[in-house]
Protein backbone atom coordinates (compact mmCIF):
# COMPACT_ATOMS: atom_id res chain seq x y z
CA MET A 1 102.07 94.22 103.75
CA ILE A 2 98.76 93.58 102.05
CA ARG A 3 96.27 92.16 104.47
CA PRO A 4 92.48 92.10 104.44
CA HIS A 5 90.60 94.79 106.36
CA ARG A 6 86.93 94.39 107.12
CA LEU A 7 85.06 97.66 106.99
CA HIS A 8 82.03 96.47 108.90
CA HIS A 9 84.28 95.59 111.82
CA VAL A 10 85.08 99.27 112.30
CA LEU A 11 81.45 100.39 112.27
CA ALA A 12 80.10 100.83 115.76
CA LEU A 13 77.64 102.84 117.80
CA ALA A 14 80.01 105.44 119.15
CA PHE A 15 77.24 107.01 121.20
CA ALA A 16 76.80 103.74 123.06
CA ALA A 17 80.44 103.65 124.17
CA ALA A 18 80.88 103.21 127.90
CA VAL A 19 81.84 106.31 129.85
CA VAL A 20 85.30 105.57 131.23
CA SER A 21 87.18 107.94 133.52
CA ALA A 22 90.37 109.27 131.94
CA CYS A 23 92.19 108.34 135.13
CA ASP A 24 90.90 104.78 135.21
CA ILE A 25 93.63 102.69 133.60
CA SER A 26 92.40 99.33 134.84
CA GLY A 27 94.60 96.36 134.17
CA VAL A 28 97.84 98.38 134.01
CA GLY A 29 98.66 97.53 137.60
CA ASP A 30 100.63 98.57 140.67
CA GLY A 31 100.49 102.34 140.35
CA SER A 32 102.41 102.44 137.06
CA LYS A 33 101.81 105.69 135.15
CA PRO A 34 101.71 106.38 131.41
CA GLU A 35 104.94 107.89 130.11
CA LYS A 36 104.77 107.71 126.32
CA LEU A 37 102.00 107.86 123.72
CA GLU A 38 102.43 106.72 120.10
CA ILE A 39 100.15 106.43 117.08
CA VAL A 40 100.66 103.37 114.88
CA ARG A 41 98.97 102.08 111.78
CA ASN A 42 96.84 98.99 112.14
CA PRO A 43 98.71 96.14 110.38
CA ASN A 44 95.45 94.77 108.96
CA THR A 45 95.23 97.42 106.27
CA ASP A 46 93.54 97.30 102.87
CA LEU A 47 96.19 99.12 100.91
CA ILE A 48 99.92 99.52 101.35
CA ASP A 49 102.23 102.48 101.71
CA LEU A 50 103.73 103.06 98.27
CA GLY A 51 106.64 105.08 99.60
CA GLY A 52 107.11 108.72 100.53
CA ASP A 53 107.91 110.93 103.48
CA VAL A 54 104.63 110.28 105.33
CA GLU A 55 102.14 107.44 105.72
CA GLN A 56 99.71 107.19 102.81
CA TYR A 57 95.99 106.65 103.00
CA PHE A 58 93.40 106.59 100.24
CA LEU A 59 90.09 108.22 99.48
CA CYS A 60 87.09 105.95 100.07
CA PHE A 61 89.08 103.61 102.35
CA PRO A 62 88.70 104.32 106.08
CA GLU A 63 91.44 102.76 108.22
CA GLN A 64 92.06 102.15 111.88
CA LEU A 65 94.76 103.96 113.84
CA GLN A 66 95.95 102.50 117.11
CA ALA A 67 96.99 104.44 120.21
CA VAL A 68 99.86 102.77 122.07
CA VAL A 69 100.80 103.85 125.61
CA THR A 70 104.02 102.83 127.35
CA PHE A 71 103.96 102.87 131.16
CA SER A 72 106.68 103.50 133.73
CA ASN A 73 106.96 99.79 134.53
CA GLY A 74 107.69 99.05 130.86
CA GLY A 75 104.21 97.73 130.16
CA ILE A 76 102.48 98.57 126.88
CA ASP A 77 98.76 99.00 126.29
CA SER A 78 97.55 98.92 122.69
CA SER A 79 94.06 97.61 123.33
CA GLY A 80 91.07 98.72 121.33
CA LEU A 81 89.58 100.10 124.54
CA LEU A 82 92.45 102.57 124.75
CA ASN A 83 91.33 104.12 121.46
CA GLN A 84 88.07 105.10 123.17
CA ARG A 85 89.94 106.99 125.92
CA VAL A 86 92.21 108.96 123.61
CA LEU A 87 91.12 112.36 122.30
CA TRP A 88 91.71 112.33 118.54
CA SER A 89 91.94 115.43 116.33
CA THR A 90 93.00 116.45 112.82
CA SER A 91 94.73 119.53 111.48
CA ASP A 92 92.58 119.57 108.33
CA PRO A 93 89.13 117.95 108.39
CA ALA A 94 88.77 118.70 104.66
CA VAL A 95 91.55 116.17 104.06
CA VAL A 96 90.83 113.65 106.79
CA GLU A 97 88.65 113.28 109.84
CA VAL A 98 89.28 110.96 112.77
CA SER A 99 86.47 109.60 114.89
CA ASN A 100 86.26 109.79 118.69
CA ALA A 101 84.26 108.06 121.37
CA ALA A 102 81.43 110.24 122.64
CA ALA A 103 82.77 109.90 126.18
CA THR A 104 85.97 111.84 125.31
CA GLY A 105 84.10 114.95 124.25
CA GLY A 106 85.77 114.85 120.85
CA GLU A 107 84.14 114.85 117.43
CA VAL A 108 82.47 111.64 116.30
CA VAL A 109 82.27 110.91 112.56
CA LEU A 110 78.91 109.60 111.44
CA ILE A 111 78.66 106.92 108.82
CA PRO A 112 77.21 108.43 105.63
CA GLY A 113 73.43 108.10 105.56
CA SER A 114 73.12 107.53 109.30
CA GLU A 115 72.07 109.91 112.05
CA ALA A 116 73.23 107.66 114.89
CA GLN A 117 75.90 105.23 113.74
CA ALA A 118 79.48 106.43 113.82
CA PHE A 119 82.89 105.09 112.88
CA SER A 120 84.77 103.54 115.79
CA PRO A 121 87.27 105.70 117.71
CA GLY A 122 90.59 106.12 115.94
CA ILE A 123 89.19 105.48 112.46
CA LEU A 124 90.69 107.72 109.78
CA VAL A 125 88.00 108.93 107.39
CA PRO A 126 89.65 110.40 104.25
CA ARG A 127 87.77 113.37 102.78
CA GLY A 128 90.09 114.93 100.18
CA VAL A 129 93.53 114.70 98.58
CA GLY A 130 96.25 116.40 100.63
CA THR A 131 98.29 116.19 103.83
CA ALA A 132 97.27 116.52 107.46
CA LYS A 133 98.48 115.90 110.99
CA ILE A 134 96.61 113.58 113.33
CA THR A 135 96.99 114.24 117.07
CA ALA A 136 96.15 111.97 119.99
CA GLU A 137 96.01 113.13 123.62
CA PHE A 138 95.81 110.95 126.72
CA ILE A 139 96.29 112.00 130.36
CA GLY A 140 98.76 114.78 129.63
CA LEU A 141 100.54 112.90 126.85
CA SER A 142 100.37 113.88 123.20
CA ALA A 143 101.44 112.24 119.93
CA SER A 144 101.21 113.36 116.32
CA TYR A 145 101.10 111.46 113.06
CA ASP A 146 101.60 112.96 109.59
CA ILE A 147 99.62 111.45 106.72
CA GLU A 148 98.95 111.97 103.03
CA VAL A 149 95.60 111.18 101.43
CA ARG A 150 95.74 110.00 97.82
CA GLU A 151 93.30 108.76 95.22
CA VAL A 152 93.13 105.27 93.81
CA ASP A 153 93.20 105.12 90.02
CA SER A 154 90.26 102.72 89.70
CA VAL A 155 88.33 99.92 91.39
CA GLN A 156 86.86 97.05 89.39
CA ILE A 157 84.67 94.03 90.11
CA ASN A 158 85.68 90.63 88.71
CA LYS A 159 82.31 89.68 87.18
CA THR A 160 78.93 91.21 86.53
CA GLU A 161 76.86 88.00 86.39
CA VAL A 162 76.77 85.18 88.93
CA LYS A 163 74.81 81.97 88.57
CA VAL A 164 74.82 79.43 91.39
CA ALA A 165 72.76 76.44 92.46
CA PRO A 166 71.24 75.93 95.91
CA GLU A 167 73.95 75.03 98.45
CA THR A 168 76.76 76.20 96.14
CA GLY A 169 78.64 79.47 95.99
CA ASP A 170 80.74 81.83 93.94
CA LEU A 171 83.03 84.71 94.85
CA LEU A 172 82.90 88.36 93.87
CA THR A 173 86.24 90.17 94.13
CA LEU A 174 87.45 93.74 93.83
CA THR A 175 90.81 95.06 92.65
CA ALA A 176 92.17 98.59 93.00
CA ALA A 177 94.74 100.08 90.63
CA ILE A 178 97.32 102.46 92.13
CA ASP A 179 100.56 103.59 90.46
CA GLY A 180 100.71 100.51 88.25
CA TYR A 181 99.95 98.08 91.08
CA THR A 182 96.84 95.93 91.19
CA LEU A 183 95.73 95.26 94.76
CA ASP A 184 93.01 92.96 96.08
CA VAL A 185 90.51 95.03 98.08
CA THR A 186 87.68 92.48 98.16
CA GLN A 187 87.26 92.76 101.91
CA SER A 188 87.20 96.56 101.99
CA PRO A 189 83.57 97.40 101.11
CA LEU A 190 80.30 96.32 102.65
CA TRP A 191 78.80 93.69 100.33
CA GLN A 192 75.03 93.51 100.20
CA PHE A 193 72.02 92.91 98.00
CA ASP A 194 70.40 96.06 96.62
CA THR A 195 66.92 95.34 97.92
CA ASP A 196 64.83 95.79 101.02
CA ASP A 197 62.94 92.54 100.40
CA GLU A 198 63.01 90.53 103.62
CA ASP A 199 62.67 87.30 101.63
CA VAL A 200 65.93 87.81 99.72
CA GLY A 201 67.64 85.41 102.14
CA ASP A 202 65.40 82.62 100.85
CA ILE A 203 67.12 82.96 97.46
CA ALA A 204 70.76 83.74 98.27
CA THR A 205 73.09 85.19 100.89
CA ILE A 206 76.16 87.40 100.50
CA GLY A 207 79.12 87.62 102.86
CA GLN A 208 79.21 91.23 104.04
CA SER A 209 83.00 91.29 104.22
CA THR A 210 83.90 88.52 101.76
CA GLY A 211 81.73 88.90 98.65
CA VAL A 212 80.83 85.19 98.77
CA ILE A 213 77.48 84.47 97.10
CA THR A 214 75.70 81.35 98.38
CA GLY A 215 72.58 79.93 96.76
CA VAL A 216 69.70 79.04 99.09
CA GLY A 217 66.61 78.54 96.92
CA LEU A 218 65.69 79.04 93.28
CA GLY A 219 65.06 82.60 92.19
CA GLY A 220 66.43 85.94 91.10
CA PRO A 221 67.71 88.03 89.57
CA LEU A 222 69.17 89.86 92.56
CA THR A 223 71.67 92.70 92.44
CA ALA A 224 74.79 92.31 94.57
CA LYS A 225 76.82 95.44 95.17
CA ALA A 226 80.03 96.56 96.85
CA ASP A 227 79.20 99.59 98.97
CA PHE A 228 81.87 102.17 99.85
CA PRO A 229 79.95 104.55 102.13
CA LEU A 230 82.50 107.34 101.66
CA CYS A 231 82.39 107.22 97.86
CA ARG A 232 78.90 106.25 96.78
CA GLU A 233 78.91 108.99 94.15
CA ASP A 234 82.50 108.44 92.95
CA SER A 235 82.42 107.67 89.23
CA LYS A 236 85.92 106.19 89.14
CA PHE A 237 84.59 103.18 91.00
CA GLY A 238 82.30 102.39 88.11
CA ASP A 239 79.38 100.00 88.51
CA LEU A 240 80.41 97.64 91.31
CA THR A 241 77.36 95.41 90.97
CA ALA A 242 76.61 91.90 89.75
CA THR A 243 73.37 90.15 88.81
CA VAL A 244 72.78 86.99 90.85
CA VAL A 245 70.53 84.10 89.81
CA VAL A 246 69.98 80.77 91.56
CA GLU A 247 69.01 77.86 89.27
CA GLU A 248 68.97 74.08 89.36
CA LEU A 249 72.15 72.30 88.37
CA THR A 250 71.67 70.14 85.29
CA GLY A 251 75.09 68.48 84.92
CA LEU A 252 78.34 67.69 86.68
CA GLN A 253 81.74 66.88 85.19
CA ILE A 254 85.02 65.85 86.82
CA ALA A 255 88.48 65.94 85.25
CA ARG A 256 91.90 64.82 86.45
CA GLU A 257 94.78 67.15 87.18
CA PHE A 258 97.19 64.63 85.63
CA ALA A 259 95.06 63.87 82.60
CA ASP A 260 98.09 62.74 80.56
CA ALA A 261 99.30 60.18 83.14
CA PRO A 262 100.05 56.83 81.44
CA ASN A 263 97.50 54.09 82.09
CA ASP A 264 95.45 56.43 84.32
CA GLU A 265 98.13 56.05 86.99
CA LEU A 266 98.70 57.89 90.25
CA ILE A 267 101.77 57.00 92.29
CA VAL A 268 101.17 55.82 95.86
CA GLY A 269 102.01 58.48 98.43
CA THR A 270 101.17 61.39 96.12
CA THR A 271 98.08 63.55 95.66
CA GLU A 272 96.02 64.75 92.74
CA LYS A 273 93.36 67.43 92.40
CA LEU A 274 90.03 66.86 90.70
CA THR A 275 88.37 69.75 88.90
CA VAL A 276 84.60 69.58 89.38
CA THR A 277 82.46 71.67 87.00
CA GLY A 278 78.71 72.16 87.30
CA SER A 279 76.56 73.19 84.35
CA PHE A 280 73.16 74.86 83.95
CA ALA A 281 70.45 74.54 81.31
CA ASP A 282 71.75 77.50 79.29
CA GLY A 283 75.30 76.11 79.16
CA THR A 284 76.67 78.35 81.93
CA THR A 285 79.24 76.59 84.11
CA LEU A 286 80.39 76.95 87.73
CA ASP A 287 83.56 75.66 89.39
CA LEU A 288 82.37 73.37 92.18
CA SER A 289 85.77 71.96 93.16
CA GLY A 290 85.64 71.49 96.91
CA GLN A 291 81.92 72.29 97.10
CA VAL A 292 80.49 68.84 96.38
CA ARG A 293 81.35 65.44 97.78
CA VAL A 294 83.57 62.97 95.96
CA GLU A 295 83.09 59.23 96.35
CA SER A 296 85.75 56.56 95.89
CA SER A 297 84.80 52.95 95.24
CA GLU A 298 87.90 51.85 97.20
CA VAL A 299 88.74 54.31 99.96
CA GLU A 300 91.66 52.20 101.12
CA VAL A 301 93.20 52.72 97.66
CA VAL A 302 92.23 56.33 96.90
CA ALA A 303 90.85 58.62 99.59
CA PRO A 304 89.19 61.98 98.88
CA GLY A 305 90.16 64.71 101.33
CA THR A 306 88.03 65.28 104.42
CA VAL A 307 88.22 69.08 104.31
CA PHE A 308 88.96 69.47 100.60
CA PRO A 309 87.27 66.52 98.86
CA GLN A 310 88.74 67.47 95.48
CA PHE A 311 92.22 66.37 96.64
CA LEU A 312 92.81 62.64 96.20
CA THR A 313 95.52 60.70 98.03
CA ALA A 314 96.85 57.39 96.67
CA LEU A 315 97.19 55.13 99.74
CA GLU A 316 98.08 51.76 98.23
CA ALA A 317 98.37 50.07 94.88
CA GLY A 318 95.04 49.19 93.29
CA THR A 319 92.15 50.55 91.25
CA ALA A 320 89.33 52.88 92.25
CA GLN A 321 86.46 54.64 90.53
CA LEU A 322 85.79 58.27 91.43
CA GLN A 323 82.57 60.22 91.08
CA ALA A 324 81.38 63.66 92.28
CA ILE A 325 77.85 64.04 93.66
CA TYR A 326 75.77 67.19 94.17
CA GLY A 327 72.56 67.38 96.18
CA GLY A 328 70.45 64.45 97.25
CA ASP A 329 69.57 63.43 100.80
CA ASP A 330 71.98 65.05 103.26
CA GLU A 331 70.41 63.16 106.21
CA ASN A 332 69.33 66.44 107.78
CA ASP A 333 65.77 65.92 108.99
CA GLU A 334 65.26 69.34 110.55
CA GLU A 335 62.01 71.08 109.71
CA GLY A 336 62.36 73.32 106.68
CA ASP A 337 65.45 71.57 105.29
CA THR A 338 65.20 70.85 101.57
CA ASP A 339 67.58 68.83 99.45
CA PRO A 340 68.37 69.79 95.85
CA PRO A 341 67.85 67.04 93.27
CA GLU A 342 70.87 64.72 93.11
CA VAL A 343 73.23 65.15 90.17
CA ARG A 344 76.08 62.69 89.57
CA SER A 345 79.17 63.29 87.48
CA ASN A 346 80.96 61.05 85.05
CA THR A 347 83.06 58.27 86.59
CA ILE A 348 86.83 58.15 86.19
CA THR A 349 89.15 55.22 86.89
CA LEU A 350 92.35 55.73 88.83
CA ASN A 351 95.08 53.08 88.89
CA THR A 352 97.45 53.58 91.80
CA VAL A 353 100.94 52.11 91.52
CA ASP A 354 103.94 51.81 93.79
CA GLY A 355 106.87 54.00 92.84
CA GLU A 356 110.19 55.04 94.33
CA LEU A 357 111.18 58.70 94.10
CA GLN A 358 114.59 59.03 92.48
CA ASP A 359 114.85 62.80 92.16
CA PHE A 360 112.83 65.95 91.58
CA ASP A 361 113.31 69.41 90.15
CA ILE A 362 111.53 72.72 90.49
CA THR A 363 110.50 75.14 87.76
CA PRO A 364 110.78 77.85 86.68
CA LEU A 365 114.42 78.52 87.48
CA ASN A 366 115.45 82.04 88.49
CA PRO A 367 112.26 83.90 87.48
CA THR A 368 111.75 87.65 87.90
CA ILE A 369 108.49 89.23 89.04
CA THR A 370 107.46 92.79 89.93
CA THR A 371 106.90 93.88 93.51
CA LEU A 372 103.55 92.67 94.87
CA GLY A 373 103.56 90.06 92.11
CA VAL A 374 102.98 86.29 92.24
CA GLN A 375 105.07 83.37 90.98
CA GLN A 376 103.86 79.76 90.87
CA PHE A 377 106.59 77.15 91.32
CA VAL A 378 106.10 73.50 90.36
CA ALA A 379 107.96 70.45 91.68
CA THR A 380 108.17 67.46 89.35
CA GLY A 381 109.32 64.09 90.67
CA THR A 382 111.11 61.33 88.79
CA PHE A 383 109.96 57.89 89.98
CA SER A 384 110.92 54.30 89.32
CA VAL A 385 107.71 52.34 88.66
CA SER A 386 108.13 48.62 87.93
CA GLY A 387 111.57 49.32 86.55
CA GLU A 388 110.37 52.11 84.31
CA THR A 389 110.86 55.86 84.74
CA ARG A 390 107.80 57.99 85.42
CA THR A 391 107.50 61.72 86.04
CA GLN A 392 104.69 63.29 88.02
CA PRO A 393 104.16 66.70 89.64
CA ILE A 394 104.63 66.60 93.42
CA THR A 395 104.18 70.31 94.18
CA ARG A 396 101.99 69.48 97.19
CA GLY A 397 104.40 66.76 98.28
CA VAL A 398 107.44 68.91 99.08
CA VAL A 399 108.09 71.51 101.77
CA TRP A 400 108.56 75.00 100.37
CA ALA A 401 110.57 77.70 102.12
CA GLU A 402 111.92 81.16 101.35
CA SER A 403 114.81 83.24 102.64
CA THR A 404 117.01 86.08 101.55
CA LEU A 405 120.12 85.05 99.67
CA ASP A 406 122.16 85.37 102.85
CA ASP A 407 119.77 82.92 104.59
CA LYS A 408 118.19 85.54 106.85
CA ALA A 409 114.48 85.17 107.50
CA THR A 410 112.26 87.54 105.58
CA THR A 411 108.62 88.51 105.42
CA LEU A 412 108.98 90.25 102.06
CA VAL A 413 108.16 87.08 100.11
CA ASP A 414 105.88 84.28 101.31
CA ILE A 415 105.62 80.85 99.69
CA SER A 416 102.69 78.58 100.43
CA ASN A 417 102.59 74.98 101.65
CA SER A 418 98.78 74.83 101.65
CA SER A 419 97.18 72.17 99.46
CA LEU A 420 95.15 74.89 97.77
CA SER A 421 98.15 77.03 96.77
CA ALA A 422 101.35 75.01 97.29
CA GLY A 423 104.40 76.55 95.62
CA ARG A 424 102.75 79.96 95.18
CA ALA A 425 105.20 82.74 96.09
CA VAL A 426 103.83 86.24 96.77
CA SER A 427 105.78 89.47 97.09
CA ARG A 428 104.47 91.28 100.19
CA SER A 429 106.38 94.54 99.87
CA ILE A 430 107.10 97.26 97.33
CA ASP A 431 110.80 96.75 98.04
CA ALA A 432 112.92 94.94 95.44
CA GLY A 433 115.19 92.05 96.35
CA ALA A 434 116.35 88.52 95.59
CA PHE A 435 115.14 85.49 97.52
CA LYS A 436 116.20 81.88 97.73
CA ILE A 437 113.35 79.42 97.20
CA THR A 438 113.87 75.86 98.43
CA ALA A 439 111.83 72.69 98.13
CA SER A 440 112.67 69.61 100.20
CA ARG A 441 111.36 66.10 100.55
CA LYS A 442 112.34 63.34 102.96
CA LEU A 443 113.10 59.95 101.45
CA PRO A 444 112.34 56.67 103.23
CA SER A 445 115.11 55.66 105.65
CA ASP A 446 116.40 52.12 106.22
CA ASP A 447 116.24 52.83 109.94
CA GLU A 448 112.90 54.48 110.73
CA GLU A 449 114.04 55.31 114.29
CA GLU A 450 117.12 57.23 113.17
CA GLU A 451 117.01 60.44 111.15
CA ASP A 452 119.36 60.63 108.21
CA ASP A 453 119.87 64.02 106.58
CA ASP A 454 121.32 62.27 103.55
CA ASN A 455 117.81 60.95 102.87
CA GLU A 456 116.46 64.42 102.17
CA LEU A 457 116.38 65.86 98.68
CA VAL A 458 116.65 69.65 98.51
CA ARG A 459 116.35 71.77 95.40
CA GLU A 460 116.88 75.53 95.17
CA THR A 461 116.21 78.42 92.85
CA VAL A 462 116.17 82.22 93.11
CA LEU A 463 113.19 84.56 92.85
CA CYS A 464 114.07 88.13 91.87
CA VAL A 465 111.62 90.93 92.70
CA VAL A 466 111.93 94.24 90.87
CA LYS A 467 109.98 97.49 90.77
CA PRO A 468 107.48 97.95 87.91
CA ASN A 469 108.98 99.31 84.70
CA THR A 470 112.50 98.48 85.88
CA PRO A 471 115.01 97.41 83.21
CA GLY A 472 115.87 93.72 83.30
CA ALA A 473 118.78 92.54 85.43
CA PRO A 474 120.43 89.12 85.75
CA CYS A 475 118.74 86.73 88.13
CA PRO A 476 120.26 85.63 90.39
CA PRO A 477 122.25 88.85 90.82
CA PRO A 478 126.05 88.61 90.66
CA ASP A 479 127.72 87.60 93.91
CA GLU A 480 129.21 90.76 95.41
CA ASP A 481 132.01 88.69 96.97
CA ASP A 482 132.92 87.14 93.63
CA GLU A 483 135.89 89.14 92.33
CA THR A 484 135.42 87.65 88.88
CA ALA A 485 131.88 88.95 88.60
CA PRO A 486 131.52 91.77 86.05
């Protein structure tokens, strides 16, 4: 499973680790003794195992191993503190090193460029392509773990120039290419500005583990970089830097998601997303959706979201004017607080109308994607509005779910119900398979106190996931129980 891994979380002062007696197993309780030791991979890993006889790790990407001890009373200890009590070793330090706590007497692995800071205990530090065996020892118990270290094909940054305004932000991302897969590794490096200037924070900040650039005050250019301490000289990573400038915003524009809706209509009980675009003097633009406030002239008719102001909800029939606003007085009177000059967008009119949902469908039907790929599904409702038929997307207004074709729960494909990504299905494994995707929506009931399953509309499709470069196959696959199937 692909999950973010934050490198700076594994950096620690190993020499400052508390000295803990090997026989002190506090919290285990009642004289229970350790009987089994295992080594497991931390689930919050940057990159995934692409198959093979042993677990795969990658040059430049340190990862956390976890020692797990099972005790005679059946209890299990997998705490981070346990990693500091285990003695870690490697069969081939030229392939991989593993860091220890100083208190164990084992080798600590210093962070490149530092004479004091070390990787946390149990961190794998890849050094070269090859295979090795990791061993952990703890109070007479021993466990081994075979690994293979591989190279990534390339790592690329999404943009080389960033322009933001004060109190706005933009995101730098990284992708790694491995065996035809493109994987998001944005949270793997240490993001920082390439300067020792103490005043850099007066211009912009950068999220050390996120790559988020936030404008503070006017200035620049600054150089933002993704730092991989283990591979600072690795040419395959290319130039993982971006120039950052903070300038005043000169314009603001909003646009409707349903721009082709007749009579500027939005059906009551549904939502719509505004796209908010900021512009600078040189014509450069920045997506500010969700970063600036949105005002409605009639909040009882159309209400912008509290957390995500770009999402509008039609509450009752009527008319409202919408406008996005950047800067201006934020009512913060603390010393040192400054407010950017106010910039207002164009105004749009939204007519909200009552409508009764008659049906809906989902598209696309029976798509095929490659493993680790993404598929966006869309739900489109058919409404009766004043006796006329209207269609409108309701992707955020249905409940999405996924399962295998035999209705067993799966974690191999996830589909989102978040407002930001509703209907977005993501393959989380390199394994192929076929998955049922459902969307459901409750209809109003005549008796609000009594549930009626007949008042729920459910639509289904199939998502097929195949390996890269695999010949096409029918989707959905033929039913194995169907004797008439070819």
